[in-house]
Every structure is written in structure tokens, then in C-alpha cells.
Amino acid sequence: RMVVRGQADQLEQVIINLLANARDALLGNLGLASRRIRLEQVACREPGWVELHVHDNGGGIEPLLLERIFEPFFTT
């Protein structure tokens, strides 16, 4: 079990946004049985850090848009 220090509501919003983005990537692209979203905690190389991975089997992000994905309010 890991304890994460910080603003719980902000961390919760980040995770909700990541999962919502994964869900949106799947809508309309795959049959219901084929949609997969996975959230996992992985071993982190840096002591005292937590690393989360969100995986989906959506189509991905267009290469030309990758440089903008961390801009506030940017959406694909």
C-alpha cells in the first residue's frame, strides 16, 4: 500500500481525467467486448515516488498533436 501526500481532490481529478480520456478514445471505435482500460501502479525506480500507468486500446494520439497534449484545456 502506498500513501501519496498532496491535494486529494487534485489527484482524484487527474485520475478521473485520464480515465475519461481513455474512455473517450474507445467510444465508437471498437465493439463493446473489445474495449479495455487498465490503471496500474508500477514499481518506480525513484524511492518515495509512485508511478501510475493508464492503458487503453484506443487509436492513440496523432503524432502532430503529441507536442500539445500538456497544454491546459487542449483536447483532441
N, C-alpha and C. Protein backbone atom coordinates (compact mmCIF):
# COMPACT_ATOMS: atom_id res chain seq x y z
N ARG A 1 0.85 -1.18 0.00
CA ARG A 1 0.00 0.00 0.00
C ARG A 1 0.89 1.24 0.00
N MET A 2 0.56 2.19 -0.85
CA MET A 2 1.32 3.43 -0.94
C MET A 2 0.48 4.58 -0.40
N VAL A 3 1.12 5.51 0.26
CA VAL A 3 0.47 6.73 0.71
C VAL A 3 1.03 7.87 -0.13
N VAL A 4 0.14 8.66 -0.70
CA VAL A 4 0.56 9.78 -1.54
C VAL A 4 0.17 11.07 -0.82
N ARG A 5 1.15 11.94 -0.64
CA ARG A 5 0.86 13.22 0.00
C ARG A 5 0.53 14.24 -1.08
N GLY A 6 -0.47 15.03 -0.82
CA GLY A 6 -0.86 16.06 -1.77
C GLY A 6 -2.32 16.38 -1.60
N GLN A 7 -2.83 17.14 -2.52
CA GLN A 7 -4.24 17.52 -2.51
C GLN A 7 -5.05 16.38 -3.09
N ALA A 8 -5.81 15.70 -2.24
CA ALA A 8 -6.57 14.52 -2.68
C ALA A 8 -7.52 14.85 -3.82
N ASP A 9 -8.17 16.01 -3.75
CA ASP A 9 -9.13 16.35 -4.81
C ASP A 9 -8.44 16.59 -6.14
N GLN A 10 -7.23 17.14 -6.12
CA GLN A 10 -6.49 17.37 -7.36
C GLN A 10 -6.00 16.06 -7.97
N LEU A 11 -5.48 15.17 -7.13
CA LEU A 11 -5.04 13.86 -7.62
C LEU A 11 -6.23 13.08 -8.16
N GLU A 12 -7.34 13.13 -7.46
CA GLU A 12 -8.55 12.45 -7.92
C GLU A 12 -8.97 12.98 -9.29
N GLN A 13 -8.91 14.30 -9.48
CA GLN A 13 -9.31 14.90 -10.76
C GLN A 13 -8.38 14.46 -11.88
N VAL A 14 -7.08 14.37 -11.61
CA VAL A 14 -6.13 13.90 -12.62
C VAL A 14 -6.48 12.48 -13.06
N ILE A 15 -6.73 11.60 -12.09
CA ILE A 15 -7.05 10.21 -12.43
C ILE A 15 -8.38 10.13 -13.18
N ILE A 16 -9.37 10.89 -12.74
CA ILE A 16 -10.66 10.91 -13.45
C ILE A 16 -10.46 11.38 -14.89
N ASN A 17 -9.67 12.43 -15.09
CA ASN A 17 -9.43 12.94 -16.44
C ASN A 17 -8.72 11.91 -17.31
N LEU A 18 -7.72 11.23 -16.76
CA LEU A 18 -7.02 10.20 -17.52
C LEU A 18 -7.96 9.07 -17.94
N LEU A 19 -8.79 8.63 -17.00
CA LEU A 19 -9.73 7.55 -17.32
C LEU A 19 -10.80 8.02 -18.30
N ALA A 20 -11.26 9.26 -18.18
CA ALA A 20 -12.25 9.80 -19.12
C ALA A 20 -11.65 9.91 -20.51
N ASN A 21 -10.39 10.33 -20.61
CA ASN A 21 -9.73 10.40 -21.91
C ASN A 21 -9.60 9.02 -22.54
N ALA A 22 -9.27 8.02 -21.72
CA ALA A 22 -9.18 6.65 -22.23
C ALA A 22 -10.54 6.18 -22.71
N ARG A 23 -11.58 6.46 -21.92
CA ARG A 23 -12.94 6.09 -22.33
C ARG A 23 -13.32 6.75 -23.65
N ASP A 24 -13.05 8.05 -23.76
CA ASP A 24 -13.40 8.78 -24.98
C ASP A 24 -12.65 8.24 -26.19
N ALA A 25 -11.42 7.77 -25.98
CA ALA A 25 -10.65 7.21 -27.09
C ALA A 25 -11.29 5.93 -27.63
N LEU A 26 -12.05 5.26 -26.80
CA LEU A 26 -12.65 3.99 -27.19
C LEU A 26 -14.05 4.13 -27.76
N LEU A 27 -14.74 5.20 -27.45
CA LEU A 27 -16.13 5.35 -27.88
C LEU A 27 -16.25 5.32 -29.40
N GLY A 28 -17.07 4.44 -29.89
CA GLY A 28 -17.34 4.37 -31.32
C GLY A 28 -16.27 3.68 -32.14
N ASN A 29 -15.11 3.40 -31.54
CA ASN A 29 -14.02 2.80 -32.31
C ASN A 29 -14.01 1.28 -32.26
N LEU A 30 -14.51 0.72 -31.20
CA LEU A 30 -14.42 -0.72 -31.01
C LEU A 30 -15.77 -1.26 -30.54
N GLY A 31 -15.99 -2.54 -30.76
CA GLY A 31 -17.17 -3.17 -30.19
C GLY A 31 -17.06 -3.19 -28.68
N LEU A 32 -18.18 -3.24 -28.01
CA LEU A 32 -18.21 -3.17 -26.55
C LEU A 32 -17.31 -4.22 -25.90
N ALA A 33 -17.29 -5.43 -26.43
CA ALA A 33 -16.48 -6.50 -25.84
C ALA A 33 -14.99 -6.26 -26.01
N SER A 34 -14.59 -5.40 -26.96
CA SER A 34 -13.17 -5.18 -27.25
C SER A 34 -12.57 -4.01 -26.48
N ARG A 35 -13.38 -3.21 -25.80
CA ARG A 35 -12.88 -2.02 -25.11
C ARG A 35 -12.16 -2.41 -23.83
N ARG A 36 -10.97 -1.87 -23.65
CA ARG A 36 -10.19 -2.19 -22.45
C ARG A 36 -9.52 -0.92 -21.91
N ILE A 37 -9.67 -0.68 -20.61
CA ILE A 37 -8.95 0.37 -19.91
C ILE A 37 -8.35 -0.26 -18.66
N ARG A 38 -7.07 0.01 -18.42
CA ARG A 38 -6.41 -0.56 -17.25
C ARG A 38 -5.61 0.54 -16.54
N LEU A 39 -5.76 0.63 -15.24
CA LEU A 39 -5.00 1.55 -14.41
C LEU A 39 -4.15 0.69 -13.48
N GLU A 40 -2.85 0.94 -13.47
CA GLU A 40 -1.98 0.11 -12.63
C GLU A 40 -0.91 0.95 -11.96
N GLN A 41 -0.51 0.53 -10.78
CA GLN A 41 0.63 1.11 -10.09
C GLN A 41 1.81 0.21 -10.43
N VAL A 42 2.92 0.82 -10.83
CA VAL A 42 4.09 0.04 -11.19
C VAL A 42 5.25 0.39 -10.26
N ALA A 43 6.21 -0.50 -10.18
CA ALA A 43 7.39 -0.25 -9.35
C ALA A 43 8.14 0.95 -9.92
N CYS A 44 8.46 1.88 -9.07
CA CYS A 44 9.14 3.10 -9.51
C CYS A 44 10.61 3.01 -9.14
N ARG A 45 11.46 3.49 -10.02
CA ARG A 45 12.91 3.44 -9.77
C ARG A 45 13.35 4.43 -8.71
N GLU A 46 12.58 5.52 -8.56
CA GLU A 46 12.94 6.55 -7.59
C GLU A 46 12.26 6.27 -6.25
N PRO A 47 13.02 6.15 -5.17
CA PRO A 47 12.42 5.92 -3.86
C PRO A 47 11.50 7.08 -3.48
N GLY A 48 10.36 6.77 -2.89
CA GLY A 48 9.44 7.79 -2.45
C GLY A 48 8.50 8.31 -3.53
N TRP A 49 8.55 7.73 -4.72
CA TRP A 49 7.68 8.15 -5.81
C TRP A 49 6.70 7.03 -6.14
N VAL A 50 5.55 7.42 -6.67
CA VAL A 50 4.54 6.47 -7.13
C VAL A 50 4.35 6.70 -8.61
N GLU A 51 4.28 5.63 -9.37
CA GLU A 51 4.07 5.74 -10.81
C GLU A 51 2.79 4.99 -11.18
N LEU A 52 1.88 5.68 -11.85
CA LEU A 52 0.64 5.08 -12.32
C LEU A 52 0.67 5.03 -13.84
N HIS A 53 0.17 3.96 -14.40
CA HIS A 53 0.02 3.83 -15.85
C HIS A 53 -1.45 3.65 -16.18
N VAL A 54 -1.91 4.36 -17.19
CA VAL A 54 -3.26 4.18 -17.72
C VAL A 54 -3.11 3.65 -19.13
N HIS A 55 -3.71 2.51 -19.40
CA HIS A 55 -3.63 1.87 -20.71
C HIS A 55 -5.03 1.76 -21.30
N ASP A 56 -5.15 2.00 -22.59
CA ASP A 56 -6.40 1.69 -23.29
C ASP A 56 -6.02 1.15 -24.66
N ASN A 57 -6.97 0.56 -25.33
CA ASN A 57 -6.67 0.04 -26.67
C ASN A 57 -7.36 0.88 -27.74
N GLY A 58 -7.41 2.20 -27.48
CA GLY A 58 -7.94 3.14 -28.46
C GLY A 58 -6.92 3.38 -29.56
N GLY A 59 -7.22 4.31 -30.42
CA GLY A 59 -6.40 4.56 -31.60
C GLY A 59 -5.13 5.36 -31.36
N GLY A 60 -4.96 5.93 -30.18
CA GLY A 60 -3.77 6.72 -29.91
C GLY A 60 -3.94 8.17 -30.31
N ILE A 61 -2.88 8.94 -30.18
CA ILE A 61 -2.89 10.37 -30.49
C ILE A 61 -2.10 10.59 -31.76
N GLU A 62 -2.63 11.43 -32.62
CA GLU A 62 -1.93 11.76 -33.87
C GLU A 62 -0.55 12.33 -33.53
N PRO A 63 0.50 11.90 -34.22
CA PRO A 63 1.85 12.38 -33.92
C PRO A 63 1.98 13.90 -33.93
N LEU A 64 1.26 14.58 -34.80
CA LEU A 64 1.35 16.04 -34.86
C LEU A 64 0.76 16.73 -33.62
N LEU A 65 -0.08 16.02 -32.88
CA LEU A 65 -0.72 16.59 -31.70
C LEU A 65 0.05 16.31 -30.41
N LEU A 66 0.99 15.38 -30.43
CA LEU A 66 1.69 14.97 -29.21
C LEU A 66 2.35 16.12 -28.47
N GLU A 67 2.91 17.08 -29.19
CA GLU A 67 3.62 18.18 -28.52
C GLU A 67 2.67 19.11 -27.76
N ARG A 68 1.37 19.01 -27.99
CA ARG A 68 0.41 19.91 -27.36
C ARG A 68 -0.38 19.26 -26.22
N ILE A 69 -0.18 17.99 -25.95
CA ILE A 69 -1.07 17.29 -25.01
C ILE A 69 -1.00 17.81 -23.58
N PHE A 70 0.04 18.52 -23.20
CA PHE A 70 0.14 19.04 -21.84
C PHE A 70 -0.30 20.49 -21.73
N GLU A 71 -0.80 21.07 -22.81
CA GLU A 71 -1.34 22.42 -22.76
C GLU A 71 -2.67 22.39 -22.01
N PRO A 72 -2.90 23.36 -21.12
CA PRO A 72 -4.19 23.39 -20.41
C PRO A 72 -5.35 23.49 -21.40
N PHE A 73 -6.37 22.72 -21.15
CA PHE A 73 -7.62 22.72 -21.90
C PHE A 73 -7.48 22.24 -23.34
N PHE A 74 -6.33 21.70 -23.73
CA PHE A 74 -6.18 21.16 -25.08
C PHE A 74 -6.95 19.85 -25.17
N THR A 75 -7.64 19.66 -26.26
CA THR A 75 -8.39 18.43 -26.47
C THR A 75 -8.22 17.98 -27.91
N THR A 76 -8.32 16.69 -28.12
CA THR A 76 -8.24 16.18 -29.48
C THR A 76 -9.63 15.91 -29.98
